[in-house]
N, C-alpha and C. Protein backbone atom coordinates (compact mmCIF):
# COMPACT_ATOMS: atom_id res chain seq x y z
N MET A 1 24.25 66.01 72.98
CA MET A 1 24.81 64.82 72.37
C MET A 1 26.27 65.09 71.99
N THR A 2 27.11 64.11 72.18
CA THR A 2 28.53 64.24 71.89
C THR A 2 28.80 63.91 70.44
N GLU A 3 29.53 64.79 69.76
CA GLU A 3 29.87 64.57 68.36
C GLU A 3 31.04 63.61 68.26
N LYS A 4 30.95 62.67 67.33
CA LYS A 4 32.02 61.69 67.14
C LYS A 4 32.80 62.00 65.88
N THR A 5 34.05 61.60 65.88
CA THR A 5 34.91 61.80 64.72
C THR A 5 34.62 60.73 63.68
N ALA A 6 35.34 60.80 62.57
CA ALA A 6 35.19 59.80 61.51
C ALA A 6 35.54 58.41 62.02
N LEU A 7 36.34 58.32 63.07
CA LEU A 7 36.72 57.03 63.63
C LEU A 7 35.70 56.52 64.63
N GLY A 8 34.63 57.28 64.86
CA GLY A 8 33.61 56.85 65.80
C GLY A 8 34.00 57.12 67.25
N VAL A 9 34.96 57.99 67.45
CA VAL A 9 35.44 58.30 68.79
C VAL A 9 35.11 59.75 69.10
N SER A 10 34.58 59.97 70.27
CA SER A 10 34.31 61.32 70.71
C SER A 10 35.55 61.87 71.41
N PRO A 11 35.92 63.12 71.16
CA PRO A 11 37.07 63.69 71.87
C PRO A 11 36.92 63.59 73.39
N GLN A 12 35.69 63.63 73.88
CA GLN A 12 35.45 63.53 75.31
C GLN A 12 35.72 62.12 75.83
N ASP A 13 35.74 61.12 74.94
CA ASP A 13 36.02 59.74 75.35
C ASP A 13 37.51 59.49 75.56
N LEU A 14 38.34 60.41 75.09
CA LEU A 14 39.78 60.23 75.18
C LEU A 14 40.33 60.89 76.44
N PRO A 15 41.36 60.29 77.04
CA PRO A 15 41.97 60.90 78.22
C PRO A 15 42.55 62.27 77.89
N ALA A 16 42.63 63.13 78.88
CA ALA A 16 43.19 64.47 78.68
C ALA A 16 44.68 64.40 78.38
N CYS A 17 45.36 63.43 78.95
CA CYS A 17 46.80 63.29 78.78
C CYS A 17 47.11 62.59 77.45
N PRO A 18 47.93 63.20 76.58
CA PRO A 18 48.27 62.58 75.30
C PRO A 18 48.99 61.23 75.44
N VAL A 19 49.82 61.10 76.48
CA VAL A 19 50.51 59.82 76.69
C VAL A 19 49.49 58.73 77.02
N GLU A 20 48.53 59.08 77.86
CA GLU A 20 47.48 58.12 78.22
C GLU A 20 46.63 57.76 77.01
N THR A 21 46.37 58.73 76.14
CA THR A 21 45.63 58.46 74.90
C THR A 21 46.38 57.45 74.05
N THR A 22 47.69 57.65 73.91
CA THR A 22 48.51 56.72 73.13
C THR A 22 48.48 55.33 73.75
N LEU A 23 48.61 55.26 75.07
CA LEU A 23 48.57 53.97 75.75
C LEU A 23 47.22 53.29 75.60
N LYS A 24 46.17 54.08 75.56
CA LYS A 24 44.83 53.50 75.37
C LYS A 24 44.75 52.79 74.02
N LEU A 25 45.43 53.33 73.02
CA LEU A 25 45.38 52.75 71.68
C LEU A 25 46.39 51.63 71.46
N ILE A 26 47.60 51.78 72.00
CA ILE A 26 48.64 50.79 71.73
C ILE A 26 49.37 50.35 73.00
N GLY A 27 48.69 50.37 74.13
CA GLY A 27 49.33 50.05 75.40
C GLY A 27 49.43 48.57 75.70
N ASN A 28 48.99 47.74 74.80
CA ASN A 28 49.03 46.30 74.99
C ASN A 28 50.15 45.73 74.12
N LYS A 29 50.85 44.72 74.62
CA LYS A 29 51.98 44.19 73.83
C LYS A 29 51.54 43.66 72.48
N TRP A 30 50.34 43.09 72.40
CA TRP A 30 49.88 42.53 71.13
C TRP A 30 49.68 43.62 70.09
N GLU A 31 49.13 44.75 70.52
CA GLU A 31 48.91 45.86 69.58
C GLU A 31 50.24 46.39 69.03
N VAL A 32 51.21 46.51 69.90
CA VAL A 32 52.52 46.99 69.46
C VAL A 32 53.15 46.00 68.48
N LEU A 33 53.01 44.70 68.75
CA LEU A 33 53.59 43.70 67.86
C LEU A 33 52.85 43.64 66.52
N VAL A 34 51.55 43.87 66.52
CA VAL A 34 50.81 43.95 65.25
C VAL A 34 51.34 45.14 64.45
N LEU A 35 51.50 46.28 65.10
CA LEU A 35 52.05 47.46 64.41
C LEU A 35 53.43 47.16 63.85
N ARG A 36 54.28 46.54 64.67
CA ARG A 36 55.64 46.21 64.22
C ARG A 36 55.61 45.33 62.97
N ASP A 37 54.74 44.34 62.97
CA ASP A 37 54.72 43.39 61.86
C ASP A 37 54.01 43.91 60.62
N LEU A 38 53.15 44.91 60.78
CA LEU A 38 52.48 45.50 59.61
C LEU A 38 53.25 46.71 59.07
N MET A 39 54.20 47.22 59.83
CA MET A 39 54.94 48.41 59.38
C MET A 39 55.61 48.20 58.01
N PRO A 40 56.22 47.02 57.75
CA PRO A 40 56.84 46.83 56.42
C PRO A 40 55.83 46.68 55.29
N GLY A 41 54.59 46.28 55.61
CA GLY A 41 53.60 46.12 54.56
C GLY A 41 52.48 45.17 54.93
N THR A 42 51.64 44.90 53.96
CA THR A 42 50.43 44.09 54.13
C THR A 42 50.76 42.64 54.48
N LYS A 43 49.93 42.06 55.36
CA LYS A 43 50.07 40.64 55.72
C LYS A 43 48.69 40.01 55.85
N ARG A 44 48.67 38.71 55.64
CA ARG A 44 47.46 37.94 55.87
C ARG A 44 47.41 37.54 57.34
N PHE A 45 46.23 37.11 57.78
CA PHE A 45 46.03 36.76 59.19
C PHE A 45 47.04 35.71 59.65
N GLY A 46 47.17 34.64 58.87
CA GLY A 46 48.09 33.56 59.24
C GLY A 46 49.53 34.01 59.34
N GLU A 47 49.93 34.92 58.47
CA GLU A 47 51.29 35.47 58.52
C GLU A 47 51.51 36.26 59.81
N LEU A 48 50.50 37.05 60.18
CA LEU A 48 50.59 37.81 61.43
C LEU A 48 50.67 36.88 62.63
N LYS A 49 49.80 35.88 62.65
CA LYS A 49 49.78 34.95 63.78
C LYS A 49 51.13 34.26 63.92
N GLN A 50 51.71 33.86 62.82
CA GLN A 50 53.00 33.18 62.85
C GLN A 50 54.13 34.13 63.26
N SER A 51 54.14 35.33 62.72
CA SER A 51 55.25 36.25 63.01
C SER A 51 55.19 36.79 64.43
N ILE A 52 54.00 36.94 64.97
CA ILE A 52 53.88 37.44 66.34
C ILE A 52 54.23 36.34 67.33
N GLY A 53 53.73 35.14 67.11
CA GLY A 53 54.06 34.02 67.98
C GLY A 53 53.49 34.19 69.38
N GLY A 54 52.89 33.14 69.89
CA GLY A 54 52.35 33.16 71.25
C GLY A 54 50.98 33.80 71.38
N ILE A 55 50.46 34.35 70.31
CA ILE A 55 49.14 34.98 70.35
C ILE A 55 48.11 33.99 69.85
N SER A 56 46.98 33.91 70.53
CA SER A 56 45.92 33.01 70.09
C SER A 56 45.15 33.64 68.94
N GLN A 57 44.46 32.80 68.20
CA GLN A 57 43.65 33.28 67.08
C GLN A 57 42.59 34.25 67.58
N LYS A 58 41.98 33.91 68.72
CA LYS A 58 40.92 34.75 69.29
C LYS A 58 41.45 36.14 69.66
N VAL A 59 42.60 36.19 70.31
CA VAL A 59 43.16 37.48 70.74
C VAL A 59 43.59 38.30 69.53
N LEU A 60 44.23 37.65 68.54
CA LEU A 60 44.66 38.38 67.34
C LEU A 60 43.45 38.95 66.62
N THR A 61 42.40 38.16 66.48
CA THR A 61 41.17 38.65 65.83
C THR A 61 40.62 39.86 66.58
N SER A 62 40.57 39.76 67.90
CA SER A 62 40.05 40.85 68.73
C SER A 62 40.90 42.11 68.59
N LYS A 63 42.21 41.97 68.64
CA LYS A 63 43.10 43.13 68.54
C LYS A 63 43.01 43.78 67.16
N LEU A 64 42.95 42.97 66.10
CA LEU A 64 42.82 43.53 64.75
C LEU A 64 41.51 44.30 64.61
N ARG A 65 40.43 43.78 65.18
CA ARG A 65 39.14 44.49 65.12
C ARG A 65 39.20 45.82 65.87
N GLU A 66 39.81 45.79 67.06
CA GLU A 66 39.95 47.02 67.85
C GLU A 66 40.78 48.05 67.10
N MET A 67 41.88 47.60 66.53
CA MET A 67 42.77 48.52 65.82
C MET A 67 42.13 49.04 64.54
N GLU A 68 41.28 48.24 63.93
CA GLU A 68 40.52 48.70 62.76
C GLU A 68 39.52 49.77 63.20
N ALA A 69 38.82 49.53 64.30
CA ALA A 69 37.85 50.51 64.82
C ALA A 69 38.54 51.81 65.23
N ASP A 70 39.78 51.72 65.70
CA ASP A 70 40.54 52.91 66.10
C ASP A 70 41.17 53.63 64.91
N GLY A 71 41.04 53.05 63.72
CA GLY A 71 41.57 53.69 62.52
C GLY A 71 43.04 53.44 62.26
N LEU A 72 43.62 52.44 62.93
CA LEU A 72 45.05 52.15 62.76
C LEU A 72 45.33 51.08 61.71
N VAL A 73 44.37 50.17 61.52
CA VAL A 73 44.54 49.03 60.63
C VAL A 73 43.38 48.98 59.64
N GLU A 74 43.69 48.58 58.41
CA GLU A 74 42.67 48.36 57.38
C GLU A 74 42.58 46.87 57.09
N ARG A 75 41.37 46.41 56.90
CA ARG A 75 41.11 45.01 56.56
C ARG A 75 40.61 44.97 55.13
N HIS A 76 41.28 44.19 54.30
CA HIS A 76 40.90 44.07 52.89
C HIS A 76 40.41 42.64 52.64
N VAL A 77 39.15 42.52 52.24
CA VAL A 77 38.56 41.21 51.96
C VAL A 77 38.45 41.05 50.46
N PHE A 78 38.96 39.94 49.95
CA PHE A 78 38.92 39.66 48.52
C PHE A 78 37.84 38.62 48.25
N ALA A 79 37.04 38.86 47.22
CA ALA A 79 35.95 37.95 46.85
C ALA A 79 36.52 36.75 46.11
N GLU A 80 37.11 35.86 46.86
CA GLU A 80 37.71 34.65 46.31
C GLU A 80 37.23 33.45 47.11
N VAL A 81 37.42 32.28 46.55
CA VAL A 81 37.14 31.05 47.27
C VAL A 81 38.43 30.25 47.31
N PRO A 82 38.97 29.96 48.49
CA PRO A 82 38.51 30.42 49.80
C PRO A 82 38.77 31.93 49.97
N PRO A 83 38.03 32.54 50.90
CA PRO A 83 38.17 33.99 51.09
C PRO A 83 39.60 34.35 51.49
N ARG A 84 40.05 35.49 51.01
CA ARG A 84 41.38 35.99 51.36
C ARG A 84 41.20 37.34 52.04
N VAL A 85 41.83 37.47 53.19
CA VAL A 85 41.76 38.71 53.97
C VAL A 85 43.18 39.17 54.25
N GLU A 86 43.43 40.44 53.99
CA GLU A 86 44.75 41.02 54.25
C GLU A 86 44.60 42.24 55.15
N TYR A 87 45.63 42.48 55.92
CA TYR A 87 45.65 43.61 56.85
C TYR A 87 46.83 44.51 56.53
N SER A 88 46.60 45.80 56.65
CA SER A 88 47.67 46.77 56.46
C SER A 88 47.41 47.96 57.37
N LEU A 89 48.44 48.76 57.57
CA LEU A 89 48.28 49.96 58.38
C LEU A 89 47.63 51.06 57.56
N THR A 90 46.81 51.84 58.21
CA THR A 90 46.24 53.04 57.59
C THR A 90 47.32 54.13 57.62
N PRO A 91 47.10 55.23 56.93
CA PRO A 91 48.04 56.35 57.06
C PRO A 91 48.20 56.79 58.53
N LEU A 92 47.11 56.75 59.29
CA LEU A 92 47.20 57.09 60.72
C LEU A 92 48.07 56.08 61.46
N GLY A 93 47.89 54.80 61.16
CA GLY A 93 48.71 53.77 61.79
C GLY A 93 50.18 53.94 61.47
N ARG A 94 50.48 54.36 60.26
CA ARG A 94 51.87 54.56 59.85
C ARG A 94 52.54 55.71 60.62
N THR A 95 51.73 56.64 61.13
CA THR A 95 52.32 57.74 61.90
C THR A 95 52.93 57.27 63.21
N LEU A 96 52.68 56.03 63.59
CA LEU A 96 53.25 55.48 64.82
C LEU A 96 54.67 54.93 64.61
N LYS A 97 55.18 54.99 63.40
CA LYS A 97 56.53 54.47 63.13
C LYS A 97 57.59 55.10 64.02
N PRO A 98 57.61 56.42 64.20
CA PRO A 98 58.63 56.99 65.10
C PRO A 98 58.52 56.47 66.54
N VAL A 99 57.31 56.18 66.97
CA VAL A 99 57.11 55.64 68.32
C VAL A 99 57.74 54.25 68.41
N LEU A 100 57.47 53.40 67.42
CA LEU A 100 58.06 52.06 67.41
C LEU A 100 59.58 52.12 67.24
N ASP A 101 60.06 53.03 66.41
CA ASP A 101 61.51 53.20 66.24
C ASP A 101 62.16 53.58 67.57
N ALA A 102 61.54 54.49 68.31
CA ALA A 102 62.07 54.90 69.61
C ALA A 102 62.06 53.73 70.60
N MET A 103 61.01 52.92 70.56
CA MET A 103 60.94 51.74 71.43
C MET A 103 62.06 50.75 71.08
N GLU A 104 62.31 50.58 69.79
CA GLU A 104 63.37 49.67 69.35
C GLU A 104 64.74 50.18 69.83
N GLN A 105 64.98 51.46 69.66
CA GLN A 105 66.26 52.04 70.08
C GLN A 105 66.45 51.92 71.59
N TRP A 106 65.40 52.21 72.34
CA TRP A 106 65.49 52.11 73.79
C TRP A 106 65.72 50.66 74.21
N GLY A 107 64.98 49.73 73.61
CA GLY A 107 65.14 48.32 73.94
C GLY A 107 66.54 47.80 73.63
N THR A 108 67.10 48.23 72.51
CA THR A 108 68.46 47.83 72.14
C THR A 108 69.46 48.36 73.15
N ALA A 109 69.33 49.63 73.52
CA ALA A 109 70.24 50.24 74.51
C ALA A 109 70.10 49.55 75.86
N TYR A 110 68.89 49.23 76.25
CA TYR A 110 68.66 48.56 77.53
C TYR A 110 69.32 47.18 77.56
N LYS A 111 69.13 46.42 76.48
CA LYS A 111 69.73 45.09 76.41
C LYS A 111 71.25 45.16 76.48
N LYS A 112 71.84 46.16 75.81
CA LYS A 112 73.30 46.33 75.87
C LYS A 112 73.76 46.67 77.29
N ARG A 113 73.00 47.52 77.94
CA ARG A 113 73.34 47.93 79.30
C ARG A 113 73.28 46.74 80.26
N ILE A 114 72.25 45.93 80.12
CA ILE A 114 72.11 44.75 80.97
C ILE A 114 73.23 43.76 80.69
N ALA A 115 73.54 43.57 79.40
CA ALA A 115 74.61 42.64 79.02
C ALA A 115 75.97 43.10 79.56
N ALA A 116 76.14 44.42 79.67
CA ALA A 116 77.41 44.97 80.16
C ALA A 116 77.45 45.01 81.69
N GLY A 117 76.40 44.54 82.32
CA GLY A 117 76.37 44.53 83.78
C GLY A 117 75.98 45.86 84.38
N ARG A 118 75.24 46.65 83.60
CA ARG A 118 74.72 47.96 84.00
C ARG A 118 75.82 48.94 84.03
């Protein structure tokens, strides 16, 4: 039997390549945008949906659940009427900040290069 980590993932379930492992977790544009929007702090579902733009409620719900299962996002439910749910990054999710920073720097440089005519 394969032993699973606290996140419910077996090391054997992960690709051997670390880059591929990272892509498996955040290789979708929606996941990266959720990370970007939660990096400054906690947000409610509606705030995320509005700030990401173009994402359906169904897809956002699905991505948040996946990211919660992967240990990147925490879901906080408050016992209120109407119910209030907030999302934030876990300490593990916060470790992706340098990755997002590098993506931002690369994207900025690329846009400048294209604007300058290469």
